[in-house]
Protein backbone atom coordinates (compact mmCIF):
# COMPACT_ATOMS: atom_id res chain seq x y z
CA MET A 1 -83.20 78.82 41.35
CA SER A 2 -79.89 81.03 41.15
CA THR A 3 -76.41 79.21 41.36
CA LEU A 4 -74.09 80.22 44.00
CA LYS A 5 -71.24 81.91 42.71
CA TYR A 6 -67.70 80.18 43.34
CA SER A 7 -65.79 82.07 46.10
CA ARG A 8 -62.20 81.37 46.73
CA GLN A 9 -62.40 82.73 50.23
CA ARG A 10 -65.43 80.47 50.98
CA GLU A 11 -63.53 77.51 49.73
CA ALA A 12 -60.67 78.38 51.93
CA ILE A 13 -62.74 78.57 54.99
CA LYS A 14 -64.23 75.19 54.18
CA HIS A 15 -60.81 73.61 53.62
CA PHE A 16 -59.45 75.32 56.68
CA LEU A 17 -62.41 73.57 58.80
CA GLU A 18 -62.11 70.12 57.00
CA GLY A 19 -60.23 67.66 58.98
CA ARG A 20 -60.05 69.65 62.39
CA THR A 21 -61.29 68.43 65.28
CA ASP A 22 -60.72 71.70 67.43
CA HIS A 23 -63.91 73.50 66.21
CA PRO A 24 -62.47 76.81 65.59
CA THR A 25 -64.39 80.11 65.93
CA ALA A 26 -64.79 82.62 63.41
CA ASP A 27 -61.96 84.74 64.94
CA THR A 28 -59.55 81.73 64.67
CA VAL A 29 -60.84 81.13 60.87
CA TYR A 30 -60.12 84.80 60.25
CA THR A 31 -56.85 84.95 61.82
CA ASN A 32 -55.51 81.84 60.14
CA LEU A 33 -56.99 82.88 56.59
CA ARG A 34 -55.46 86.30 56.84
CA GLU A 35 -52.03 84.83 56.22
CA GLN A 36 -53.20 83.45 52.79
CA TYR A 37 -55.77 86.06 52.04
CA PRO A 38 -54.51 89.61 53.83
CA ASN A 39 -57.45 91.57 52.33
CA ILE A 40 -60.20 89.27 53.73
CA SER A 41 -62.43 90.89 56.53
CA LEU A 42 -63.77 89.24 59.59
CA GLY A 43 -67.44 90.03 58.07
CA THR A 44 -66.49 88.04 54.96
CA VAL A 45 -65.53 85.03 57.22
CA TYR A 46 -68.95 85.42 59.44
CA ARG A 47 -70.98 85.67 56.21
CA ASN A 48 -69.45 82.64 54.48
CA LEU A 49 -69.44 80.53 57.86
CA ALA A 50 -73.25 81.41 57.87
CA LEU A 51 -73.72 80.53 54.16
CA LEU A 52 -71.79 77.32 54.53
CA GLU A 53 -74.11 76.50 57.92
CA SER A 54 -77.24 77.25 55.65
CA LEU A 55 -76.16 74.92 52.86
CA GLY A 56 -75.60 72.25 55.39
CA GLU A 57 -71.79 71.96 54.55
CA ILE A 58 -70.93 72.78 58.11
CA THR A 59 -72.49 72.92 61.54
CA LYS A 60 -72.39 75.63 64.24
CA ILE A 61 -71.95 74.86 67.77
CA SER A 62 -72.56 77.18 70.75
CA ALA A 63 -70.38 76.74 73.38
CA GLY A 64 -71.89 79.13 75.95
CA SER A 65 -68.78 81.48 75.60
CA GLY A 66 -70.46 83.89 73.29
CA ALA A 67 -68.25 82.85 70.39
CA GLU A 68 -69.77 79.90 67.85
CA HIS A 69 -67.82 77.10 66.96
CA TYR A 70 -67.95 75.47 63.55
CA ASP A 71 -67.53 71.89 62.47
CA ALA A 72 -67.10 70.42 59.08
CA ASP A 73 -67.27 66.86 60.03
CA LEU A 74 -70.83 65.78 59.22
CA THR A 75 -70.70 62.46 60.24
CA ASN A 76 -73.13 61.18 63.25
CA HIS A 77 -71.04 62.36 66.41
CA GLN A 78 -71.58 64.24 69.49
CA HIS A 79 -69.75 66.97 71.42
CA PHE A 80 -68.49 67.37 75.07
CA ILE A 81 -68.19 71.10 75.71
CA CYS A 82 -66.24 72.38 78.66
CA THR A 83 -68.02 74.76 80.90
CA GLN A 84 -64.54 76.27 82.09
CA CYS A 85 -62.63 76.86 78.86
CA HIS A 86 -65.41 76.48 76.14
CA ARG A 87 -63.44 73.95 74.19
CA VAL A 88 -65.56 71.53 71.97
CA TYR A 89 -64.45 67.81 71.77
CA ASP A 90 -65.75 65.29 69.46
CA ILE A 91 -67.15 62.27 71.10
CA HIS A 92 -68.68 58.98 69.54
CA ILE A 93 -71.38 57.33 71.40
CA GLU A 94 -72.31 53.60 70.79
CA ASN A 95 -76.09 53.09 70.67
CA ILE A 96 -76.89 56.81 70.54
CA ARG A 97 -79.99 55.85 68.41
CA SER A 98 -81.52 54.92 71.70
CA VAL A 99 -81.77 58.28 72.92
CA MET A 100 -83.58 59.27 69.53
CA GLU A 101 -85.79 56.29 70.09
CA ALA A 102 -86.69 57.39 73.53
CA ALA A 103 -87.45 60.73 72.67
CA GLN A 104 -89.63 59.68 69.59
CA ARG A 105 -91.63 57.72 71.93
CA THR A 106 -93.04 60.86 73.63
CA ALA A 107 -92.50 63.65 70.79
CA PRO A 108 -95.46 65.34 69.22
CA GLY A 109 -94.39 64.16 65.84
CA ARG A 110 -91.64 62.74 63.85
CA ILE A 111 -87.95 62.90 64.87
CA ASP A 112 -85.66 63.08 61.55
CA ALA A 113 -82.44 64.04 63.32
CA PHE A 114 -80.92 65.26 66.57
CA ARG A 115 -77.74 66.73 67.97
CA ALA A 116 -76.61 65.99 71.34
CA ASN A 117 -74.06 68.18 73.25
CA PHE A 118 -72.67 67.45 76.59
CA TYR A 119 -71.51 69.78 79.17
CA GLY A 120 -68.81 69.25 81.93
CA VAL A 121 -65.30 70.26 82.83
CA CYS A 122 -62.53 68.86 80.55
CA SER A 123 -59.58 66.95 82.02
CA ASP A 124 -57.22 69.91 81.54
CA CYS A 125 -59.65 72.23 83.59
CA THR A 126 -60.17 69.47 86.08
CA GLN A 127 -56.28 69.30 86.86
CA LYS A 128 -56.08 73.15 87.02
CA LEU A 129 -59.06 73.39 89.41
CA ASP A 130 -57.75 70.52 91.49
CA ALA A 131 -54.28 72.28 91.58
CA ARG A 132 -55.86 75.66 92.87
CA GLU A 133 -57.86 73.51 95.63
CA GLU A 134 -54.44 71.80 96.86
CA ALA A 135 -52.47 75.37 96.96
CA VAL A 136 -55.32 76.69 99.19
């Protein structure tokens, strides 16, 4: 088994994601890290995000916009994804284990983990949609 070589850029990517709740895309990570690392390429950002995900240090979230979002918060939480603006929000649900228990009753094997995403329209987009309807 080979040891992963230390990378200052990979550490910067991970550090950038830590503590954030806005679930940035690779483009957002790239744009922000270019200030500190002017020679970093978008390809380097994508490769390191993929590596960090494969190592279980971050998670990738598909928001349906074509761009993946990234989350360094590995605690048990769920996501609300706006189908209009594709923003990703953290949500915390009490008794979420009951969903896993219900699924386990009908699953063809043992469920070890799950992720739950909820889709709808965020309050910002709802206000914009309501304002458009009022204007008509």
